[in-house]
Amino acid sequence: MNQDNTPIILGVIIPIVLIAILFITVIFIRRRRSAGRKATDSRTNDNMSLPDSVIETSRPVRIENFSNHYRIMSADSDFR
């Protein structure tokens, strides 16, 4: 009259193990994503970067050199 409880035990333990693995995976992914954001934030806010106002974005050409500059730049339209 001994009952075999193996299916009941496996029916309880397997879902618990699967839920635990899913939970651990979600926590791992969230930590990894937040660590990536922290590294990006620290790169943009570091003290070694130059402010935008210091970077010169324009290289003006003197009027007396403009015709030569235009000729050079328009000689090959792929190269500017």
PDB file of N, CA and C in Angstrom:
ATOM      1  N   MET A   1       0.790  -1.189   0.000  1.00  0.00           N
ATOM      2  CA  MET A   1       0.000   0.000   0.000  1.00  0.00           C
ATOM      3  C   MET A   1       0.842   1.268   0.000  1.00  0.00           C
ATOM      4  N   ASN A   2       2.094   1.151  -0.320  1.00  0.00           N
ATOM      5  CA  ASN A   2       2.925   2.348  -0.432  1.00  0.00           C
ATOM      6  C   ASN A   2       2.633   3.045  -1.757  1.00  0.00           C
ATOM      7  N   GLN A   3       2.317   4.332  -1.650  1.00  0.00           N
ATOM      8  CA  GLN A   3       2.057   5.106  -2.857  1.00  0.00           C
ATOM      9  C   GLN A   3       3.368   5.654  -3.414  1.00  0.00           C
ATOM     10  N   ASP A   4       3.427   5.764  -4.740  1.00  0.00           N
ATOM     11  CA  ASP A   4       4.607   6.364  -5.390  1.00  0.00           C
ATOM     12  C   ASP A   4       4.350   7.857  -5.564  1.00  0.00           C
ATOM     13  N   ASN A   5       5.043   8.679  -4.773  1.00  0.00           N
ATOM     14  CA  ASN A   5       4.855  10.133  -4.797  1.00  0.00           C
ATOM     15  C   ASN A   5       5.810  10.841  -5.755  1.00  0.00           C
ATOM     16  N   THR A   6       6.546  10.132  -6.557  1.00  0.00           N
ATOM     17  CA  THR A   6       7.530  10.734  -7.462  1.00  0.00           C
ATOM     18  C   THR A   6       6.903  11.725  -8.447  1.00  0.00           C
ATOM     19  N   PRO A   7       5.790  11.420  -9.102  1.00  0.00           N
ATOM     20  CA  PRO A   7       5.211  12.412 -10.028  1.00  0.00           C
ATOM     21  C   PRO A   7       4.781  13.697  -9.330  1.00  0.00           C
ATOM     22  N   ILE A   8       4.262  13.584  -8.131  1.00  0.00           N
ATOM     23  CA  ILE A   8       3.839  14.784  -7.397  1.00  0.00           C
ATOM     24  C   ILE A   8       5.057  15.621  -7.017  1.00  0.00           C
ATOM     25  N   ILE A   9       6.086  14.978  -6.526  1.00  0.00           N
ATOM     26  CA  ILE A   9       7.310  15.703  -6.132  1.00  0.00           C
ATOM     27  C   ILE A   9       7.935  16.378  -7.341  1.00  0.00           C
ATOM     28  N   LEU A  10       8.053  15.665  -8.450  1.00  0.00           N
ATOM     29  CA  LEU A  10       8.623  16.266  -9.661  1.00  0.00           C
ATOM     30  C   LEU A  10       7.728  17.360 -10.205  1.00  0.00           C
ATOM     31  N   GLY A  11       6.411  17.207 -10.097  1.00  0.00           N
ATOM     32  CA  GLY A  11       5.470  18.219 -10.556  1.00  0.00           C
ATOM     33  C   GLY A  11       5.555  19.510  -9.768  1.00  0.00           C
ATOM     34  N   VAL A  12       6.066  19.459  -8.557  1.00  0.00           N
ATOM     35  CA  VAL A  12       6.231  20.660  -7.726  1.00  0.00           C
ATOM     36  C   VAL A  12       7.640  21.228  -7.878  1.00  0.00           C
ATOM     37  N   ILE A  13       8.643  20.379  -7.866  1.00  0.00           N
ATOM     38  CA  ILE A  13      10.034  20.838  -7.875  1.00  0.00           C
ATOM     39  C   ILE A  13      10.434  21.434  -9.227  1.00  0.00           C
ATOM     40  N   ILE A  14      10.071  20.812 -10.337  1.00  0.00           N
ATOM     41  CA  ILE A  14      10.488  21.297 -11.664  1.00  0.00           C
ATOM     42  C   ILE A  14       9.969  22.716 -11.947  1.00  0.00           C
ATOM     43  N   PRO A  15       8.676  23.026 -11.722  1.00  0.00           N
ATOM     44  CA  PRO A  15       8.242  24.423 -11.949  1.00  0.00           C
ATOM     45  C   PRO A  15       8.945  25.432 -11.035  1.00  0.00           C
ATOM     46  N   ILE A  16       9.213  25.033  -9.786  1.00  0.00           N
ATOM     47  CA  ILE A  16       9.910  25.947  -8.869  1.00  0.00           C
ATOM     48  C   ILE A  16      11.317  26.230  -9.381  1.00  0.00           C
ATOM     49  N   VAL A  17      12.007  25.210  -9.851  1.00  0.00           N
ATOM     50  CA  VAL A  17      13.370  25.396 -10.388  1.00  0.00           C
ATOM     51  C   VAL A  17      13.324  26.269 -11.635  1.00  0.00           C
ATOM     52  N   LEU A  18      12.358  26.050 -12.525  1.00  0.00           N
ATOM     53  CA  LEU A  18      12.248  26.866 -13.748  1.00  0.00           C
ATOM     54  C   LEU A  18      11.943  28.327 -13.421  1.00  0.00           C
ATOM     55  N   ILE A  19      11.070  28.571 -12.464  1.00  0.00           N
ATOM     56  CA  ILE A  19      10.760  29.947 -12.053  1.00  0.00           C
ATOM     57  C   ILE A  19      11.995  30.605 -11.437  1.00  0.00           C
ATOM     58  N   ALA A  20      12.763  29.873 -10.639  1.00  0.00           N
ATOM     59  CA  ALA A  20      13.983  30.424 -10.031  1.00  0.00           C
ATOM     60  C   ALA A  20      15.007  30.776 -11.117  1.00  0.00           C
ATOM     61  N   ILE A  21      15.173  29.917 -12.122  1.00  0.00           N
ATOM     62  CA  ILE A  21      16.118  30.201 -13.213  1.00  0.00           C
ATOM     63  C   ILE A  21      15.671  31.436 -13.993  1.00  0.00           C
ATOM     64  N   LEU A  22      14.376  31.555 -14.264  1.00  0.00           N
ATOM     65  CA  LEU A  22      13.850  32.727 -14.966  1.00  0.00           C
ATOM     66  C   LEU A  22      14.087  33.998 -14.149  1.00  0.00           C
ATOM     67  N   PHE A  23      13.841  33.937 -12.859  1.00  0.00           N
ATOM     68  CA  PHE A  23      14.037  35.090 -11.981  1.00  0.00           C
ATOM     69  C   PHE A  23      15.503  35.533 -11.955  1.00  0.00           C
ATOM     70  N   ILE A  24      16.414  34.578 -11.830  1.00  0.00           N
ATOM     71  CA  ILE A  24      17.853  34.887 -11.812  1.00  0.00           C
ATOM     72  C   ILE A  24      18.295  35.485 -13.150  1.00  0.00           C
ATOM     73  N   THR A  25      17.760  34.961 -14.253  1.00  0.00           N
ATOM     74  CA  THR A  25      18.106  35.487 -15.573  1.00  0.00           C
ATOM     75  C   THR A  25      17.647  36.934 -15.726  1.00  0.00           C
ATOM     76  N   VAL A  26      16.439  37.235 -15.289  1.00  0.00           N
ATOM     77  CA  VAL A  26      15.922  38.611 -15.371  1.00  0.00           C
ATOM     78  C   VAL A  26      16.776  39.556 -14.548  1.00  0.00           C
ATOM     79  N   ILE A  27      17.142  39.163 -13.341  1.00  0.00           N
ATOM     80  CA  ILE A  27      17.997  40.010 -12.495  1.00  0.00           C
ATOM     81  C   ILE A  27      19.357  40.228 -13.159  1.00  0.00           C
ATOM     82  N   PHE A  28      19.935  39.184 -13.719  1.00  0.00           N
ATOM     83  CA  PHE A  28      21.242  39.293 -14.375  1.00  0.00           C
ATOM     84  C   PHE A  28      21.183  40.248 -15.561  1.00  0.00           C
ATOM     85  N   ILE A  29      20.149  40.142 -16.375  1.00  0.00           N
ATOM     86  CA  ILE A  29      20.019  41.027 -17.545  1.00  0.00           C
ATOM     87  C   ILE A  29      19.835  42.475 -17.116  1.00  0.00           C
ATOM     88  N   ARG A  30      19.020  42.717 -16.103  1.00  0.00           N
ATOM     89  CA  ARG A  30      18.817  44.099 -15.627  1.00  0.00           C
ATOM     90  C   ARG A  30      20.106  44.704 -15.082  1.00  0.00           C
ATOM     91  N   ARG A  31      20.862  43.941 -14.332  1.00  0.00           N
ATOM     92  CA  ARG A  31      22.129  44.461 -13.792  1.00  0.00           C
ATOM     93  C   ARG A  31      23.121  44.760 -14.906  1.00  0.00           C
ATOM     94  N   ARG A  32      23.143  43.905 -15.898  1.00  0.00           N
ATOM     95  CA  ARG A  32      24.071  44.104 -17.015  1.00  0.00           C
ATOM     96  C   ARG A  32      23.713  45.359 -17.801  1.00  0.00           C
ATOM     97  N   ARG A  33      22.422  45.575 -18.037  1.00  0.00           N
ATOM     98  CA  ARG A  33      21.991  46.781 -18.759  1.00  0.00           C
ATOM     99  C   ARG A  33      22.275  48.046 -17.965  1.00  0.00           C
ATOM    100  N   SER A  34      22.022  48.013 -16.659  1.00  0.00           N
ATOM    101  CA  SER A  34      22.270  49.203 -15.849  1.00  0.00           C
ATOM    102  C   SER A  34      23.768  49.494 -15.740  1.00  0.00           C
ATOM    103  N   ALA A  35      24.602  48.464 -15.760  1.00  0.00           N
ATOM    104  CA  ALA A  35      26.053  48.683 -15.727  1.00  0.00           C
ATOM    105  C   ALA A  35      26.512  49.338 -17.025  1.00  0.00           C
ATOM    106  N   GLY A  36      25.924  48.973 -18.153  1.00  0.00           N
ATOM    107  CA  GLY A  36      26.266  49.588 -19.431  1.00  0.00           C
ATOM    108  C   GLY A  36      25.886  51.051 -19.464  1.00  0.00           C
ATOM    109  N   ARG A  37      24.743  51.381 -18.880  1.00  0.00           N
ATOM    110  CA  ARG A  37      24.317  52.788 -18.834  1.00  0.00           C
ATOM    111  C   ARG A  37      25.231  53.611 -17.943  1.00  0.00           C
ATOM    112  N   LYS A  38      25.663  53.046 -16.833  1.00  0.00           N
ATOM    113  CA  LYS A  38      26.559  53.779 -15.933  1.00  0.00           C
ATOM    114  C   LYS A  38      27.886  54.077 -16.615  1.00  0.00           C
ATOM    115  N   ALA A  39      28.402  53.135 -17.391  1.00  0.00           N
ATOM    116  CA  ALA A  39      29.667  53.355 -18.084  1.00  0.00           C
ATOM    117  C   ALA A  39      29.507  54.451 -19.133  1.00  0.00           C
ATOM    118  N   THR A  40      28.387  54.460 -19.836  1.00  0.00           N
ATOM    119  CA  THR A  40      28.142  55.491 -20.847  1.00  0.00           C
ATOM    120  C   THR A  40      27.979  56.848 -20.187  1.00  0.00           C
ATOM    121  N   ASP A  41      27.239  56.914 -19.081  1.00  0.00           N
ATOM    122  CA  ASP A  41      27.052  58.188 -18.381  1.00  0.00           C
ATOM    123  C   ASP A  41      28.378  58.730 -17.872  1.00  0.00           C
ATOM    124  N   SER A  42      29.243  57.865 -17.387  1.00  0.00           N
ATOM    125  CA  SER A  42      30.513  58.347 -16.849  1.00  0.00           C
ATOM    126  C   SER A  42      31.413  58.864 -17.972  1.00  0.00           C
ATOM    127  N   ARG A  43      31.282  58.297 -19.175  1.00  0.00           N
ATOM    128  CA  ARG A  43      32.089  58.786 -20.296  1.00  0.00           C
ATOM    129  C   ARG A  43      31.644  60.169 -20.742  1.00  0.00           C
ATOM    130  N   THR A  44      30.346  60.425 -20.720  1.00  0.00           N
ATOM    131  CA  THR A  44      29.863  61.722 -21.187  1.00  0.00           C
ATOM    132  C   THR A  44      30.051  62.813 -20.149  1.00  0.00           C
ATOM    133  N   ASN A  45      30.196  62.446 -18.882  1.00  0.00           N
ATOM    134  CA  ASN A  45      30.305  63.449 -17.827  1.00  0.00           C
ATOM    135  C   ASN A  45      31.706  63.546 -17.226  1.00  0.00           C
ATOM    136  N   ASP A  46      32.697  63.013 -17.919  1.00  0.00           N
ATOM    137  CA  ASP A  46      34.030  63.068 -17.336  1.00  0.00           C
ATOM    138  C   ASP A  46      34.636  64.463 -17.497  1.00  0.00           C
ATOM    139  N   ASN A  47      35.639  64.752 -16.698  1.00  0.00           N
ATOM    140  CA  ASN A  47      36.268  66.071 -16.712  1.00  0.00           C
ATOM    141  C   ASN A  47      37.314  66.214 -17.801  1.00  0.00           C
ATOM    142  N   MET A  48      37.632  65.130 -18.493  1.00  0.00           N
ATOM    143  CA  MET A  48      38.650  65.181 -19.532  1.00  0.00           C
ATOM    144  C   MET A  48      38.089  65.645 -20.875  1.00  0.00           C
ATOM    145  N   SER A  49      36.786  65.658 -21.035  1.00  0.00           N
ATOM    146  CA  SER A  49      36.174  66.064 -22.299  1.00  0.00           C
ATOM    147  C   SER A  49      36.268  67.573 -22.476  1.00  0.00           C
ATOM    148  N   LEU A  50      36.374  67.972 -23.732  1.00  0.00           N
ATOM    149  CA  LEU A  50      36.375  69.393 -24.040  1.00  0.00           C
ATOM    150  C   LEU A  50      34.934  69.881 -24.152  1.00  0.00           C
ATOM    151  N   PRO A  51      34.647  71.056 -23.639  1.00  0.00           N
ATOM    152  CA  PRO A  51      33.299  71.591 -23.825  1.00  0.00           C
ATOM    153  C   PRO A  51      33.063  71.919 -25.300  1.00  0.00           C
ATOM    154  N   ASP A  52      31.797  71.941 -25.708  1.00  0.00           N
ATOM    155  CA  ASP A  52      31.464  72.187 -27.105  1.00  0.00           C
ATOM    156  C   ASP A  52      31.921  73.566 -27.577  1.00  0.00           C
ATOM    157  N   SER A  53      31.982  74.540 -26.699  1.00  0.00           N
ATOM    158  CA  SER A  53      32.345  75.892 -27.105  1.00  0.00           C
ATOM    159  C   SER A  53      33.820  76.003 -27.486  1.00  0.00           C
ATOM    160  N   VAL A  54      34.663  75.078 -27.027  1.00  0.00           N
ATOM    161  CA  VAL A  54      36.090  75.143 -27.316  1.00  0.00           C
ATOM    162  C   VAL A  54      36.398  74.542 -28.691  1.00  0.00           C
ATOM    163  N   ILE A  55      35.603  73.581 -29.135  1.00  0.00           N
ATOM    164  CA  ILE A  55      35.857  72.902 -30.398  1.00  0.00           C
ATOM    165  C   ILE A  55      35.495  73.820 -31.552  1.00  0.00           C
ATOM    166  N   GLU A  56      36.442  74.035 -32.437  1.00  0.00           N
ATOM    167  CA  GLU A  56      36.211  74.900 -33.591  1.00  0.00           C
ATOM    168  C   GLU A  56      35.655  74.051 -34.727  1.00  0.00           C
ATOM    169  N   THR A  57      34.436  74.364 -35.155  1.00  0.00           N
ATOM    170  CA  THR A  57      33.777  73.563 -36.182  1.00  0.00           C
ATOM    171  C   THR A  57      33.894  74.184 -37.564  1.00  0.00           C
ATOM    172  N   SER A  58      34.399  75.369 -37.670  1.00  0.00           N
ATOM    173  CA  SER A  58      34.481  76.064 -38.945  1.00  0.00           C
ATOM    174  C   SER A  58      35.928  76.420 -39.248  1.00  0.00           C
ATOM    175  N   ARG A  59      36.300  76.260 -40.515  1.00  0.00           N
ATOM    176  CA  ARG A  59      37.640  76.667 -40.933  1.00  0.00           C
ATOM    177  C   ARG A  59      37.477  77.690 -42.056  1.00  0.00           C
ATOM    178  N   PRO A  60      37.408  78.951 -41.701  1.00  0.00           N
ATOM    179  CA  PRO A  60      37.155  79.973 -42.720  1.00  0.00           C
ATOM    180  C   PRO A  60      38.303  80.081 -43.726  1.00  0.00           C
ATOM    181  N   VAL A  61      37.933  80.456 -44.950  1.00  0.00           N
ATOM    182  CA  VAL A  61      38.894  80.631 -46.027  1.00  0.00           C
ATOM    183  C   VAL A  61      38.999  82.127 -46.297  1.00  0.00           C
ATOM    184  N   ARG A  62      40.211  82.621 -46.434  1.00  0.00           N
ATOM    185  CA  ARG A  62      40.406  84.037 -46.717  1.00  0.00           C
ATOM    186  C   ARG A  62      39.884  84.369 -48.109  1.00  0.00           C
ATOM    187  N   ILE A  63      39.407  85.569 -48.291  1.00  0.00           N
ATOM    188  CA  ILE A  63      38.801  85.982 -49.568  1.00  0.00           C
ATOM    189  C   ILE A  63      39.796  85.872 -50.709  1.00  0.00           C
ATOM    190  N   GLU A  64      41.044  86.229 -50.470  1.00  0.00           N
ATOM    191  CA  GLU A  64      42.033  86.177 -51.554  1.00  0.00           C
ATOM    192  C   GLU A  64      42.361  84.723 -51.953  1.00  0.00           C
ATOM    193  N   ASN A  65      42.089  83.755 -51.078  1.00  0.00           N
ATOM    194  CA  ASN A  65      42.351  82.350 -51.387  1.00  0.00           C
ATOM    195  C   ASN A  65      41.091  81.581 -51.803  1.00  0.00           C
ATOM    196  N   PHE A  66      39.945  82.273 -51.835  1.00  0.00           N
ATOM    197  CA  PHE A  66      38.690  81.583 -52.056  1.00  0.00           C
ATOM    198  C   PHE A  66      38.595  80.940 -53.440  1.00  0.00           C
ATOM    199  N   SER A  67      39.011  81.643 -54.492  1.00  0.00           N
ATOM    200  CA  SER A  67      38.885  81.086 -55.848  1.00  0.00           C
ATOM    201  C   SER A  67      39.719  79.808 -55.986  1.00  0.00           C
ATOM    202  N   ASN A  68      40.916  79.817 -55.452  1.00  0.00           N
ATOM    203  CA  ASN A  68      41.758  78.625 -55.500  1.00  0.00           C
ATOM    204  C   ASN A  68      41.150  77.498 -54.652  1.00  0.00           C
ATOM    205  N   HIS A  69      40.644  77.848 -53.491  1.00  0.00           N
ATOM    206  CA  HIS A  69      40.002  76.871 -52.618  1.00  0.00           C
ATOM    207  C   HIS A  69      38.787  76.251 -53.305  1.00  0.00           C
ATOM    208  N   TYR A  70      37.956  77.077 -53.932  1.00  0.00           N
ATOM    209  CA  TYR A  70      36.767  76.582 -54.624  1.00  0.00           C
ATOM    210  C   TYR A  70      37.151  75.667 -55.783  1.00  0.00           C
ATOM    211  N   ARG A  71      38.193  76.026 -56.510  1.00  0.00           N
ATOM    212  CA  ARG A  71      38.651  75.214 -57.643  1.00  0.00           C
ATOM    213  C   ARG A  71      39.117  73.840 -57.156  1.00  0.00           C
ATOM    214  N   ILE A  72      39.855  73.817 -56.070  1.00  0.00           N
ATOM    215  CA  ILE A  72      40.352  72.554 -55.526  1.00  0.00           C
ATOM    216  C   ILE A  72      39.193  71.695 -55.014  1.00  0.00           C
ATOM    217  N   MET A  73      38.271  72.298 -54.312  1.00  0.00           N
ATOM    218  CA  MET A  73      37.170  71.553 -53.733  1.00  0.00           C
ATOM    219  C   MET A  73      36.189  71.051 -54.779  1.00  0.00           C
ATOM    220  N   SER A  74      36.014  71.768 -55.869  1.00  0.00           N
ATOM    221  CA  SER A  74      35.057  71.349 -56.905  1.00  0.00           C
ATOM    222  C   SER A  74      35.712  70.491 -57.978  1.00  0.00           C
ATOM    223  N   ALA A  75      37.005  70.285 -57.934  1.00  0.00           N
ATOM    224  CA  ALA A  75      37.680  69.483 -58.950  1.00  0.00           C
ATOM    225  C   ALA A  75      37.205  68.030 -58.890  1.00  0.00           C
ATOM    226  N   ASP A  76      37.011  67.521 -57.709  1.00  0.00           N
ATOM    227  CA  ASP A  76      36.511  66.158 -57.544  1.00  0.00           C
ATOM    228  C   ASP A  76      35.371  66.218 -56.538  1.00  0.00           C
ATOM    229  N   SER A  77      34.160  66.034 -56.999  1.00  0.00           N
ATOM    230  CA  SER A  77      33.008  66.210 -56.123  1.00  0.00           C
ATOM    231  C   SER A  77      32.936  65.149 -55.028  1.00  0.00           C
ATOM    232  N   ASP A  78      33.619  64.021 -55.159  1.00  0.00           N
ATOM    233  CA  ASP A  78      33.623  62.995 -54.124  1.00  0.00           C
ATOM    234  C   ASP A  78      34.588  63.333 -52.988  1.00  0.00           C
ATOM    235  N   PHE A  79      35.530  64.198 -53.244  1.00  0.00           N
ATOM    236  CA  PHE A  79      36.556  64.547 -52.266  1.00  0.00           C
ATOM    237  C   PHE A  79      36.323  65.960 -51.769  1.00  0.00           C
ATOM    238  N   ARG A  80      35.935  66.092 -50.500  1.00  0.00           N
ATOM    239  CA  ARG A  80      35.710  67.438 -49.943  1.00  0.00           C
ATOM    240  C   ARG A  80      36.358  67.530 -48.596  1.00  0.00           C
TER     241      ARG A  80
END
